[in-house]
Each structure stands twice: as C-alpha cells, then as structure tokens.
N, C-alpha and C. Protein backbone atom coordinates (compact mmCIF):
# COMPACT_ATOMS: atom_id res chain seq x y z
N MET A 1 96.53 109.88 43.05
CA MET A 1 97.70 109.93 43.90
C MET A 1 97.91 108.55 44.52
N ALA A 2 99.16 108.19 44.69
CA ALA A 2 99.51 106.91 45.31
C ALA A 2 99.06 106.90 46.78
N LEU A 3 98.94 105.71 47.32
CA LEU A 3 98.51 105.54 48.71
C LEU A 3 99.64 105.70 49.71
N GLY A 4 100.88 105.61 49.24
CA GLY A 4 102.01 105.72 50.15
C GLY A 4 102.28 104.45 50.93
N THR A 5 101.88 103.31 50.34
CA THR A 5 102.18 102.01 50.93
C THR A 5 103.36 101.41 50.19
N GLU A 6 103.91 100.33 50.70
CA GLU A 6 105.04 99.69 50.02
C GLU A 6 104.64 99.23 48.63
N GLU A 7 103.38 98.80 48.49
CA GLU A 7 102.89 98.33 47.19
C GLU A 7 102.49 99.47 46.25
N ASP A 8 102.14 100.63 46.81
CA ASP A 8 101.68 101.77 46.02
C ASP A 8 102.43 103.02 46.51
N ARG A 9 103.71 103.08 46.19
CA ARG A 9 104.60 104.13 46.68
C ARG A 9 104.37 105.47 45.99
N TRP A 10 104.72 106.53 46.73
CA TRP A 10 104.77 107.84 46.11
C TRP A 10 106.02 107.89 45.24
N VAL A 11 105.88 108.29 44.00
CA VAL A 11 107.02 108.48 43.10
C VAL A 11 107.24 109.98 43.02
N LEU A 12 108.40 110.42 43.47
CA LEU A 12 108.69 111.84 43.62
C LEU A 12 109.96 112.22 42.87
N LYS A 13 110.14 113.51 42.69
CA LYS A 13 111.38 114.04 42.11
C LYS A 13 111.97 115.05 43.08
N THR A 14 113.30 115.09 43.13
CA THR A 14 113.96 116.09 43.96
C THR A 14 113.53 117.48 43.51
N PRO A 15 113.61 118.48 44.39
CA PRO A 15 113.14 119.82 44.01
C PRO A 15 113.68 120.34 42.67
N PRO A 16 114.96 120.13 42.33
CA PRO A 16 115.40 120.61 41.01
C PRO A 16 114.86 119.77 39.86
N GLY A 17 114.23 118.63 40.18
CA GLY A 17 113.67 117.76 39.15
C GLY A 17 114.69 116.85 38.49
N THR A 18 115.86 116.70 39.11
CA THR A 18 116.94 115.96 38.48
C THR A 18 116.96 114.47 38.82
N SER A 19 116.35 114.07 39.93
CA SER A 19 116.39 112.67 40.34
C SER A 19 115.02 112.21 40.82
N GLU A 20 114.69 110.97 40.49
CA GLU A 20 113.42 110.38 40.92
C GLU A 20 113.70 109.42 42.07
N TYR A 21 112.78 109.34 43.00
CA TYR A 21 112.88 108.42 44.14
C TYR A 21 111.48 108.06 44.60
N THR A 22 111.37 107.07 45.47
CA THR A 22 110.07 106.68 45.99
C THR A 22 110.06 106.77 47.51
N MET A 23 108.86 106.93 48.05
CA MET A 23 108.68 106.93 49.50
C MET A 23 107.40 106.18 49.83
N TYR A 24 107.40 105.58 51.00
CA TYR A 24 106.18 104.95 51.51
C TYR A 24 106.23 104.91 53.03
N ARG A 25 105.05 104.77 53.62
CA ARG A 25 104.93 104.67 55.07
C ARG A 25 105.08 103.20 55.50
N ASP A 26 105.78 102.96 56.58
CA ASP A 26 105.81 101.64 57.21
C ASP A 26 105.41 101.86 58.66
N GLU A 27 104.16 101.57 58.94
CA GLU A 27 103.62 101.81 60.28
C GLU A 27 103.68 100.56 61.15
N GLN A 28 104.29 99.49 60.64
CA GLN A 28 104.40 98.23 61.38
C GLN A 28 105.64 98.18 62.26
N VAL A 29 106.51 99.17 62.14
CA VAL A 29 107.73 99.21 62.95
C VAL A 29 107.58 100.28 64.03
N ASP A 30 108.46 100.24 65.02
CA ASP A 30 108.41 101.21 66.10
C ASP A 30 109.75 101.93 66.17
N PRO A 31 109.81 103.23 65.93
CA PRO A 31 108.69 104.10 65.57
C PRO A 31 108.29 103.91 64.11
N PRO A 32 107.04 104.27 63.76
CA PRO A 32 106.63 104.22 62.35
C PRO A 32 107.56 105.11 61.52
N VAL A 33 107.84 104.68 60.28
CA VAL A 33 108.82 105.38 59.46
C VAL A 33 108.30 105.70 58.07
N LEU A 34 109.00 106.65 57.46
CA LEU A 34 108.91 106.90 56.03
C LEU A 34 110.14 106.24 55.43
N VAL A 35 109.94 105.37 54.47
CA VAL A 35 111.06 104.71 53.80
C VAL A 35 111.27 105.43 52.48
N CYS A 36 112.48 105.90 52.27
CA CYS A 36 112.84 106.65 51.08
C CYS A 36 113.86 105.83 50.29
N GLN A 37 113.48 105.44 49.09
CA GLN A 37 114.36 104.62 48.24
C GLN A 37 114.91 105.50 47.12
N VAL A 38 116.23 105.71 47.16
CA VAL A 38 116.91 106.52 46.16
C VAL A 38 117.93 105.61 45.48
N GLY A 39 117.60 105.10 44.31
CA GLY A 39 118.46 104.12 43.67
C GLY A 39 118.57 102.90 44.57
N SER A 40 119.79 102.50 44.89
CA SER A 40 119.99 101.34 45.77
C SER A 40 120.11 101.74 47.24
N THR A 41 119.99 103.04 47.54
CA THR A 41 120.12 103.53 48.91
C THR A 41 118.75 103.67 49.56
N THR A 42 118.65 103.17 50.79
CA THR A 42 117.42 103.29 51.56
C THR A 42 117.66 104.22 52.74
N LEU A 43 116.82 105.25 52.84
CA LEU A 43 116.87 106.16 53.98
C LEU A 43 115.57 105.99 54.75
N ARG A 44 115.61 106.21 56.04
CA ARG A 44 114.41 106.11 56.86
C ARG A 44 114.29 107.37 57.71
N TYR A 45 113.08 107.92 57.74
CA TYR A 45 112.79 109.10 58.53
C TYR A 45 111.60 108.78 59.43
N ASP A 46 111.59 109.34 60.64
CA ASP A 46 110.47 109.16 61.54
C ASP A 46 109.20 109.69 60.84
N LEU A 47 108.13 108.91 60.87
CA LEU A 47 106.90 109.27 60.18
C LEU A 47 106.31 110.59 60.68
N ARG A 48 106.61 110.94 61.93
CA ARG A 48 106.10 112.22 62.46
C ARG A 48 106.63 113.42 61.69
N ALA A 49 107.65 113.21 60.87
CA ALA A 49 108.24 114.31 60.11
C ALA A 49 107.21 115.03 59.25
N ILE A 50 106.25 114.31 58.71
CA ILE A 50 105.25 114.95 57.83
C ILE A 50 104.47 116.02 58.59
N GLU A 51 103.83 115.63 59.68
CA GLU A 51 103.00 116.57 60.44
C GLU A 51 103.86 117.63 61.14
N ASP A 52 105.00 117.20 61.69
CA ASP A 52 105.85 118.15 62.40
C ASP A 52 106.43 119.21 61.47
N LEU A 53 106.87 118.80 60.28
CA LEU A 53 107.41 119.77 59.33
C LEU A 53 106.32 120.72 58.86
N ARG A 54 105.15 120.20 58.60
CA ARG A 54 104.02 121.05 58.18
C ARG A 54 103.73 122.10 59.26
N ALA A 55 103.67 121.68 60.53
CA ALA A 55 103.38 122.62 61.62
C ALA A 55 104.48 123.68 61.73
N TRP A 56 105.74 123.27 61.56
CA TRP A 56 106.84 124.23 61.63
C TRP A 56 106.75 125.24 60.49
N LEU A 57 106.40 124.77 59.30
CA LEU A 57 106.26 125.68 58.16
C LEU A 57 105.15 126.69 58.41
N VAL A 58 104.04 126.25 58.99
CA VAL A 58 102.95 127.17 59.32
C VAL A 58 103.46 128.25 60.29
N GLU A 59 104.23 127.83 61.30
CA GLU A 59 104.80 128.79 62.25
C GLU A 59 105.71 129.80 61.56
N GLN A 60 106.47 129.36 60.57
CA GLN A 60 107.41 130.25 59.88
C GLN A 60 106.67 131.30 59.07
N GLY A 61 105.53 130.93 58.50
CA GLY A 61 104.68 131.89 57.82
C GLY A 61 105.16 132.39 56.47
N ASP A 62 106.28 131.91 55.98
CA ASP A 62 106.80 132.37 54.69
C ASP A 62 107.73 131.30 54.13
N TRP A 63 108.36 131.61 53.02
CA TRP A 63 109.28 130.69 52.37
C TRP A 63 110.49 130.41 53.27
N VAL A 64 110.90 129.14 53.30
CA VAL A 64 112.06 128.70 54.08
C VAL A 64 113.00 127.97 53.12
N PRO A 65 114.30 128.28 53.15
CA PRO A 65 115.24 127.55 52.28
C PRO A 65 115.33 126.08 52.70
N LEU A 66 115.53 125.20 51.71
CA LEU A 66 115.62 123.77 52.00
C LEU A 66 116.94 123.40 52.64
N GLY A 67 118.05 123.83 52.06
CA GLY A 67 119.36 123.61 52.66
C GLY A 67 119.79 122.15 52.78
N ALA A 68 119.39 121.30 51.85
CA ALA A 68 119.72 119.88 51.92
C ALA A 68 121.23 119.67 52.07
N ALA A 69 121.59 118.75 52.97
CA ALA A 69 123.01 118.43 53.20
C ALA A 69 123.13 117.00 53.72
N ASP A 70 124.24 116.37 53.37
CA ASP A 70 124.53 115.05 53.91
C ASP A 70 124.71 115.14 55.42
N GLU A 71 124.56 114.02 56.08
CA GLU A 71 124.66 113.97 57.54
C GLU A 71 125.95 114.55 58.08
N LYS A 72 127.05 114.31 57.42
CA LYS A 72 128.36 114.75 57.93
C LYS A 72 128.67 116.21 57.64
N LYS A 73 127.83 116.86 56.87
CA LYS A 73 128.03 118.28 56.57
C LYS A 73 127.10 119.11 57.44
N PRO A 74 127.55 120.27 57.87
CA PRO A 74 126.67 121.11 58.68
C PRO A 74 125.51 121.66 57.84
N ALA A 75 124.37 121.82 58.49
CA ALA A 75 123.20 122.40 57.83
C ALA A 75 123.18 123.90 58.07
N ALA A 76 122.86 124.66 57.03
CA ALA A 76 122.78 126.11 57.17
C ALA A 76 121.64 126.48 58.13
N PRO A 77 121.89 127.40 59.05
CA PRO A 77 120.85 127.82 60.00
C PRO A 77 119.60 128.33 59.29
N GLY A 78 118.44 128.04 59.88
CA GLY A 78 117.18 128.54 59.36
C GLY A 78 116.61 127.75 58.19
N THR A 79 117.25 126.63 57.84
CA THR A 79 116.78 125.82 56.71
C THR A 79 115.95 124.64 57.20
N VAL A 80 115.22 124.03 56.27
CA VAL A 80 114.48 122.80 56.56
C VAL A 80 115.44 121.73 57.06
N GLU A 81 116.59 121.62 56.43
CA GLU A 81 117.59 120.62 56.84
C GLU A 81 118.02 120.84 58.29
N ALA A 82 118.31 122.07 58.66
CA ALA A 82 118.73 122.37 60.03
C ALA A 82 117.63 122.03 61.02
N TRP A 83 116.39 122.36 60.69
CA TRP A 83 115.27 122.05 61.58
C TRP A 83 115.12 120.53 61.74
N GLY A 84 115.34 119.77 60.67
CA GLY A 84 115.19 118.32 60.70
C GLY A 84 116.22 117.61 61.56
N ARG A 85 117.25 118.34 62.04
CA ARG A 85 118.27 117.76 62.92
C ARG A 85 118.37 118.48 64.25
N SER A 86 117.60 119.52 64.43
CA SER A 86 117.73 120.40 65.58
C SER A 86 117.19 119.78 66.88
N GLU A 87 117.86 120.09 67.97
CA GLU A 87 117.37 119.68 69.28
C GLU A 87 116.10 120.44 69.64
N ASP A 88 115.78 121.50 68.88
CA ASP A 88 114.58 122.31 69.14
C ASP A 88 113.35 121.81 68.40
N ASN A 89 113.47 120.81 67.52
CA ASN A 89 112.28 120.29 66.85
C ASN A 89 111.52 119.36 67.80
N PRO A 90 110.28 118.99 67.50
CA PRO A 90 109.49 118.15 68.42
C PRO A 90 110.14 116.81 68.77
N LEU A 91 110.98 116.29 67.91
CA LEU A 91 111.65 115.02 68.17
C LEU A 91 112.90 115.20 69.04
N GLY A 92 113.40 116.43 69.09
CA GLY A 92 114.60 116.71 69.87
C GLY A 92 115.87 116.25 69.20
N GLY A 93 115.87 116.22 67.87
CA GLY A 93 117.06 115.81 67.12
C GLY A 93 116.71 115.30 65.75
N TRP A 94 117.50 114.39 65.24
CA TRP A 94 117.38 113.90 63.87
C TRP A 94 116.07 113.17 63.60
N TYR A 95 115.40 113.55 62.48
CA TYR A 95 114.27 112.76 61.98
C TYR A 95 114.79 111.57 61.19
N GLY A 96 115.97 111.70 60.61
CA GLY A 96 116.60 110.58 59.91
C GLY A 96 116.98 109.51 60.92
N LEU A 97 116.69 108.25 60.60
CA LEU A 97 116.87 107.17 61.56
C LEU A 97 118.03 106.23 61.25
N ARG A 98 118.53 106.24 60.04
CA ARG A 98 119.60 105.31 59.68
C ARG A 98 120.94 106.01 59.79
N ASN A 99 121.72 105.62 60.79
CA ASN A 99 123.01 106.25 61.02
C ASN A 99 123.86 106.23 59.75
N GLY A 100 124.44 107.39 59.43
CA GLY A 100 125.21 107.54 58.20
C GLY A 100 124.37 108.02 57.04
N TYR A 101 123.04 107.91 57.18
CA TYR A 101 122.10 108.32 56.12
C TYR A 101 120.98 109.17 56.70
N ARG A 102 121.27 109.93 57.76
CA ARG A 102 120.22 110.71 58.41
C ARG A 102 119.99 112.07 57.76
N GLY A 103 120.91 112.51 56.93
CA GLY A 103 120.79 113.81 56.29
C GLY A 103 119.86 113.78 55.10
N ARG A 104 119.92 114.84 54.32
CA ARG A 104 119.11 115.02 53.11
C ARG A 104 117.61 115.16 53.41
N PHE A 105 117.29 115.47 54.66
CA PHE A 105 115.90 115.74 55.05
C PHE A 105 115.32 116.84 54.17
N GLY A 106 116.11 117.89 53.93
CA GLY A 106 115.68 119.03 53.14
C GLY A 106 115.59 118.75 51.65
N MET A 107 116.05 117.58 51.22
CA MET A 107 115.94 117.19 49.81
C MET A 107 114.72 116.29 49.58
N TYR A 108 114.51 115.33 50.48
CA TYR A 108 113.52 114.29 50.21
C TYR A 108 112.15 114.51 50.86
N LEU A 109 112.06 115.26 51.95
CA LEU A 109 110.76 115.50 52.58
C LEU A 109 109.92 116.57 51.87
N PRO A 110 110.51 117.68 51.41
CA PRO A 110 109.68 118.72 50.78
C PRO A 110 108.83 118.23 49.60
N PRO A 111 109.34 117.43 48.66
CA PRO A 111 108.47 116.97 47.58
C PRO A 111 107.31 116.11 48.05
N LEU A 112 107.51 115.38 49.15
CA LEU A 112 106.41 114.58 49.69
C LEU A 112 105.32 115.49 50.24
N LEU A 113 105.70 116.51 51.00
CA LEU A 113 104.69 117.44 51.51
C LEU A 113 103.97 118.14 50.36
N GLU A 114 104.69 118.42 49.29
CA GLU A 114 104.05 119.03 48.12
C GLU A 114 103.05 118.05 47.50
N GLU A 115 103.44 116.80 47.35
CA GLU A 115 102.57 115.76 46.80
C GLU A 115 101.29 115.62 47.63
N LEU A 116 101.43 115.74 48.94
CA LEU A 116 100.28 115.60 49.85
C LEU A 116 99.45 116.87 49.95
N GLY A 117 99.87 117.94 49.26
CA GLY A 117 99.13 119.20 49.28
C GLY A 117 99.35 120.02 50.53
N LEU A 118 100.40 119.71 51.28
CA LEU A 118 100.67 120.40 52.54
C LEU A 118 101.65 121.55 52.41
N ALA A 119 102.35 121.62 51.28
CA ALA A 119 103.37 122.66 51.10
C ALA A 119 103.57 122.95 49.63
N GLU A 120 104.15 124.12 49.38
CA GLU A 120 104.59 124.49 48.04
C GLU A 120 106.11 124.45 48.05
N VAL A 121 106.71 124.00 46.96
CA VAL A 121 108.16 123.91 46.84
C VAL A 121 108.57 124.56 45.53
N THR A 122 109.64 125.34 45.56
CA THR A 122 110.17 125.88 44.31
C THR A 122 110.99 124.79 43.62
N HIS A 123 111.15 124.92 42.31
CA HIS A 123 111.83 123.88 41.53
C HIS A 123 112.91 124.48 40.63
N ASP A 124 113.78 125.25 41.25
CA ASP A 124 114.90 125.85 40.53
C ASP A 124 116.09 124.89 40.55
N ALA A 125 117.13 125.21 39.80
CA ALA A 125 118.32 124.36 39.76
C ALA A 125 119.03 124.34 41.12
N ARG A 126 118.94 125.44 41.88
CA ARG A 126 119.60 125.53 43.20
C ARG A 126 118.78 126.42 44.12
N ASN A 127 119.12 126.34 45.40
CA ASN A 127 118.54 127.24 46.40
C ASN A 127 117.02 127.21 46.44
N ASN A 128 116.44 126.02 46.46
CA ASN A 128 115.00 125.90 46.52
C ASN A 128 114.47 126.19 47.93
N ARG A 129 113.19 126.53 47.96
CA ARG A 129 112.52 126.92 49.20
C ARG A 129 111.18 126.23 49.27
N MET A 130 110.57 126.27 50.46
CA MET A 130 109.22 125.72 50.60
C MET A 130 108.45 126.57 51.62
N ARG A 131 107.14 126.44 51.56
CA ARG A 131 106.27 127.07 52.55
C ARG A 131 104.99 126.25 52.66
N ALA A 132 104.31 126.40 53.76
CA ALA A 132 103.04 125.71 53.97
C ALA A 132 102.03 126.23 52.95
N THR A 133 101.21 125.35 52.43
CA THR A 133 100.16 125.80 51.54
C THR A 133 99.09 126.52 52.37
N PRO A 134 98.67 127.66 51.90
CA PRO A 134 97.66 128.41 52.65
C PRO A 134 96.37 127.60 52.78
N GLY A 135 95.84 127.60 54.00
CA GLY A 135 94.53 127.02 54.24
C GLY A 135 94.44 125.50 54.23
N SER A 136 95.55 124.80 54.06
CA SER A 136 95.42 123.33 54.05
C SER A 136 95.68 122.76 55.42
C-alpha cells in the first residue's frame, strides 16, 4: 500500500470504478489536508475527515448511501455527502476546503477509507454505499 505522501500517493478509483485519482496527506499546512488530484483539478479536504468519517460510520452501524454531489447541488439527507457538509459534523461544516470545489466528499473519501481498511464500499454503477469495517 502507498504511504499517502506526495511522493507515494494513494491511487484510487471512484466507487463505480470509472475514474482514477490520487490522494495524499499534506501535514505541513494549517489545517493539515488531504490533497485529491482528479485530472487537472485539485480538491482539498481537512485531514480530520478520515478519522471523523470513520467514527460517524461506526455510529451509523450499517450501510450509508454516498450521495456524492457538487458543491452547488444539495446533498441528499442521510448520505456521506450531507454529513461532510453538515453543521452537525465535528468540524461544524464543510470538510472540503477549496471554495467552489468543496463537494464530492461522498465520491472521493469513501475509496480512501476502503484502501486504509477502515470501511467497505459497494462498487455498483450507481447508488453506492459504505459502512465501517467490523472490528477495525
């Protein structure tokens, strides 16, 4: 498995398996971030998203729909995407840090948690879900 550094990035695929992207941790900035490179587009998410999303999934106790959506589109209630922007999450709002590119939390974070062994993700053409891996 990759180290998740800029030099040794995680190479991931979206849940449907249709697009490849990379992610890495940048802990030299404040706040520390996850850098997500999708083609020529760079998205940044607060690094706490990994642990916070894992904890939320454990609380949910079952499969949760991903509900990926662009920043300007509303997120369906009860989805990973909605939680990633909710005032009720530990951050009190968006985990996405780059204005105009804060959405798609429900698309790009789940495969990373799966890669790290923290969650299971379905890989259907649409309507994918995730849940915390038991016992991890």
